[in-house]
Amino acid sequence: MRIPSEESPNAKLEIFPVGIPLRFSEIFGNDLPVEMDLGSGSGKFLLETAKAFPERNFLGVERLLGRIRKTRRKAFHSDLENLRVLRMEIDHTVRFLITKGTVSRFHLYFPDPWPKRRHHSRRVVDTEFFKAAWHGLADNGEFWIKTDHQEYFDRIVKVVEQSNAWVTPVEWSDEGYGTTDFEDLFLSKKLPIYRLRLRKCS
């Protein structure tokens, strides 16, 4: 499979922030609501969802170059003008690149659970991460989380309770959104998926 060069037309779908914070109106050329897929992977969820909701903008954050290029290539061939990708660590993006109150919805699906206790510090979800996410969300914005790892899910719930920054629980509803590769795999095997939907207190 040929990897497109940076001269490829689909390269325009990848953003390279020069300064901080991100300016979504400049990135997308409009002021439509922005949703962020944190850890967009192969881009399956991002692509399906951008197609389903053309009245919203979607930014996928992924650290692996091959996945970024695969997503932007597919988005280009599907004529998705409401999708962009950013090659960056999730934690850095949420903490340092987002203007206060500019994201309508975060999606964090199946983050690495780092199951060994000595690796727990590598998990993306902690109190400071949630504070940063709350700062970036618009009033009544939401944070959607899915994981197959029960212990990590329980830890996330505790972090949320300690933050005092969310109204929870909000009843889960997929609302026509796409699915990730992991989600399809777990559903096919009838394995449990733990979900949490959080809404920002204004």
Protein backbone atom coordinates (compact mmCIF):
# COMPACT_ATOMS: atom_id res chain seq x y z
CA MET A 1 0.00 0.00 0.00
CA ARG A 2 1.40 3.38 -0.99
CA ILE A 3 1.62 5.96 1.76
CA PRO A 4 0.65 9.36 0.37
CA SER A 5 3.37 11.97 0.37
CA GLU A 6 2.93 15.28 2.15
CA GLU A 7 2.19 16.77 -1.28
CA SER A 8 -0.90 14.58 -1.52
CA PRO A 9 -4.21 16.48 -1.64
CA ASN A 10 -5.40 14.67 1.49
CA ALA A 11 -2.59 16.24 3.51
CA LYS A 12 -4.79 19.31 3.92
CA LEU A 13 -6.94 17.32 6.35
CA GLU A 14 -4.08 17.07 8.84
CA ILE A 15 -3.47 20.09 11.03
CA PHE A 16 -0.10 21.25 12.31
CA PRO A 17 -0.67 23.77 15.10
CA VAL A 18 1.98 26.47 15.11
CA GLY A 19 0.79 28.21 18.24
CA ILE A 20 -1.62 27.43 21.01
CA PRO A 21 -4.49 27.12 21.50
CA LEU A 22 -6.26 25.50 18.54
CA ARG A 23 -8.55 27.85 16.62
CA PHE A 24 -11.37 25.69 15.36
CA SER A 25 -12.98 28.38 13.21
CA GLU A 26 -9.73 28.66 11.26
CA ILE A 27 -9.18 24.90 11.11
CA PHE A 28 -12.63 24.12 9.72
CA GLY A 29 -13.52 27.44 8.12
CA ASN A 30 -16.80 27.71 10.02
CA ASP A 31 -18.26 27.95 13.53
CA LEU A 32 -20.07 24.62 13.68
CA PRO A 33 -19.87 22.60 16.94
CA VAL A 34 -16.63 20.64 17.34
CA GLU A 35 -16.33 17.09 18.67
CA MET A 36 -13.00 15.43 19.38
CA ASP A 37 -12.14 11.74 19.08
CA LEU A 38 -9.29 11.20 21.53
CA GLY A 39 -7.21 8.31 20.22
CA SER A 40 -8.88 7.94 16.83
CA GLY A 41 -6.88 4.84 15.84
CA SER A 42 -7.80 3.52 12.40
CA GLY A 43 -10.38 6.31 12.06
CA LYS A 44 -13.40 4.01 11.80
CA PHE A 45 -15.49 5.79 14.42
CA LEU A 46 -14.33 9.21 13.25
CA LEU A 47 -15.17 8.56 9.60
CA GLU A 48 -18.54 6.96 10.25
CA THR A 49 -19.57 9.71 12.61
CA ALA A 50 -18.42 12.59 10.40
CA LYS A 51 -20.51 11.10 7.57
CA ALA A 52 -23.54 10.77 9.85
CA PHE A 53 -23.37 14.35 11.19
CA PRO A 54 -22.30 16.80 8.44
CA GLU A 55 -23.61 19.68 10.57
CA ARG A 56 -20.80 19.12 13.10
CA ASN A 57 -17.00 19.23 12.90
CA PHE A 58 -14.82 16.33 14.06
CA LEU A 59 -11.17 16.35 15.05
CA GLY A 60 -9.35 13.06 15.56
CA VAL A 61 -6.28 13.00 17.80
CA GLU A 62 -3.85 10.14 17.21
CA ARG A 63 -0.11 9.80 17.82
CA LEU A 64 0.73 7.20 15.14
CA LEU A 65 1.55 8.62 11.71
CA GLY A 66 0.36 5.60 9.74
CA ARG A 67 -3.09 5.80 11.30
CA ILE A 68 -3.30 9.53 10.70
CA ARG A 69 -2.47 9.13 7.01
CA LYS A 70 -4.93 6.25 6.61
CA THR A 71 -7.73 8.32 8.14
CA ARG A 72 -7.09 11.44 6.12
CA ARG A 73 -6.86 9.41 2.89
CA LYS A 74 -10.26 7.81 3.51
CA ALA A 75 -11.78 11.13 4.57
CA PHE A 76 -10.51 12.78 1.39
CA HIS A 77 -11.96 10.07 -0.85
CA SER A 78 -15.28 10.37 1.01
CA ASP A 79 -15.33 14.17 0.53
CA LEU A 80 -15.59 14.77 4.28
CA GLU A 81 -15.03 18.48 4.72
CA ASN A 82 -15.97 18.33 8.42
CA LEU A 83 -13.09 16.05 9.50
CA ARG A 84 -9.51 16.87 10.46
CA VAL A 85 -6.77 14.90 12.19
CA LEU A 86 -4.03 15.94 14.58
CA ARG A 87 -0.92 13.86 15.28
CA MET A 88 -0.43 14.46 18.98
CA GLU A 89 -0.61 12.77 22.38
CA ILE A 90 -4.11 12.87 23.85
CA ASP A 91 -3.01 14.17 27.22
CA HIS A 92 -0.96 17.03 25.78
CA THR A 93 -3.79 18.03 23.43
CA VAL A 94 -6.45 18.22 26.13
CA ARG A 95 -4.24 19.97 28.68
CA PHE A 96 -2.50 22.52 26.49
CA LEU A 97 -4.09 23.00 23.05
CA ILE A 98 -7.78 23.64 23.68
CA THR A 99 -9.38 27.03 24.26
CA LYS A 100 -11.81 27.24 27.15
CA GLY A 101 -15.37 26.28 26.27
CA THR A 102 -14.83 25.35 22.60
CA VAL A 103 -15.50 21.59 22.44
CA SER A 104 -19.07 20.34 22.38
CA ARG A 105 -18.19 16.69 22.98
CA PHE A 106 -15.14 14.56 23.76
CA HIS A 107 -15.04 10.86 22.83
CA LEU A 108 -12.54 8.62 24.62
CA TYR A 109 -13.04 5.01 23.56
CA PHE A 110 -11.03 2.03 24.77
CA PRO A 111 -7.93 3.89 26.01
CA ASP A 112 -4.95 1.72 26.93
CA PRO A 113 -5.80 0.39 30.43
CA TRP A 114 -2.18 -0.31 31.37
CA PRO A 115 -3.42 -3.21 33.54
CA LYS A 116 -0.23 -3.79 35.57
CA ARG A 117 -0.23 -1.74 38.77
CA ARG A 118 3.26 -0.38 38.18
CA HIS A 119 2.03 1.08 34.88
CA HIS A 120 -1.11 2.77 36.20
CA SER A 121 0.60 6.16 36.15
CA ARG A 122 0.66 5.93 32.35
CA ARG A 123 -3.13 5.93 32.10
CA VAL A 124 -4.46 9.05 30.43
CA VAL A 125 -7.40 9.50 32.80
CA ASP A 126 -6.56 11.26 36.04
CA THR A 127 -7.83 14.26 37.98
CA GLU A 128 -5.75 16.81 36.08
CA PHE A 129 -6.85 15.38 32.74
CA PHE A 130 -10.51 15.73 33.71
CA LYS A 131 -9.99 19.28 34.93
CA ALA A 132 -8.47 20.15 31.57
CA ALA A 133 -11.34 18.46 29.71
CA TRP A 134 -13.91 20.33 31.80
CA HIS A 135 -12.09 23.58 30.94
CA GLY A 136 -12.24 22.79 27.22
CA LEU A 137 -15.90 21.81 27.11
CA ALA A 138 -18.64 24.26 26.22
CA ASP A 139 -21.50 24.72 28.68
CA ASN A 140 -23.57 21.52 28.70
CA GLY A 141 -20.84 19.84 26.65
CA GLU A 142 -20.30 16.15 27.18
CA PHE A 143 -17.54 13.59 27.64
CA TRP A 144 -18.30 10.06 26.42
CA ILE A 145 -16.14 7.15 27.59
CA LYS A 146 -16.11 3.47 26.68
CA THR A 147 -13.79 0.73 27.90
CA ASP A 148 -13.75 -3.05 28.16
CA HIS A 149 -11.59 -2.95 31.30
CA GLN A 150 -13.72 -2.96 34.45
CA GLU A 151 -10.99 -1.99 36.92
CA TYR A 152 -10.00 1.00 34.79
CA PHE A 153 -13.65 1.97 34.44
CA ASP A 154 -14.12 1.86 38.22
CA ARG A 155 -11.05 4.06 38.59
CA ILE A 156 -12.42 6.55 36.06
CA VAL A 157 -15.68 6.75 38.00
CA LYS A 158 -13.72 7.52 41.18
CA VAL A 159 -11.74 10.23 39.44
CA VAL A 160 -14.98 11.79 38.22
CA GLU A 161 -16.49 11.70 41.70
CA GLN A 162 -13.40 13.37 43.14
CA SER A 163 -13.41 16.13 40.52
CA ASN A 164 -16.78 17.59 41.55
CA ALA A 165 -17.00 19.03 38.05
CA TRP A 166 -19.60 16.85 36.36
CA VAL A 167 -23.28 16.05 36.45
CA THR A 168 -23.48 12.26 36.24
CA PRO A 169 -24.93 9.86 35.37
CA VAL A 170 -26.47 10.88 32.09
CA GLU A 171 -28.39 8.11 30.38
CA TRP A 172 -26.31 6.50 27.65
CA SER A 173 -27.53 6.71 24.08
CA ASP A 174 -25.41 6.09 20.97
CA GLU A 175 -27.51 8.62 19.02
CA GLY A 176 -26.45 7.32 15.62
CA TYR A 177 -22.70 7.54 16.22
CA GLY A 178 -20.26 5.11 14.62
CA THR A 179 -18.37 2.31 16.34
CA THR A 180 -14.68 1.58 16.81
CA ASP A 181 -12.84 -1.56 15.71
CA PHE A 182 -12.47 -2.59 19.35
CA GLU A 183 -16.17 -2.11 20.02
CA ASP A 184 -17.16 -4.26 17.06
CA LEU A 185 -14.75 -6.97 18.23
CA PHE A 186 -16.04 -7.00 21.80
CA LEU A 187 -19.67 -6.95 20.70
CA SER A 188 -19.07 -9.88 18.34
CA LYS A 189 -17.64 -11.86 21.26
CA LYS A 190 -20.44 -10.74 23.58
CA LEU A 191 -17.94 -9.19 25.97
CA PRO A 192 -19.01 -6.40 28.35
CA ILE A 193 -18.40 -2.77 27.47
CA TYR A 194 -18.52 -0.16 30.23
CA ARG A 195 -19.88 3.26 29.28
CA LEU A 196 -19.98 6.63 30.97
CA ARG A 197 -21.59 9.82 29.71
CA LEU A 198 -20.74 13.05 31.53
CA ARG A 199 -22.22 16.50 31.10
CA LYS A 200 -20.50 19.71 32.11
CA CYS A 201 -22.01 21.84 34.82
CA SER A 202 -22.32 25.40 33.60
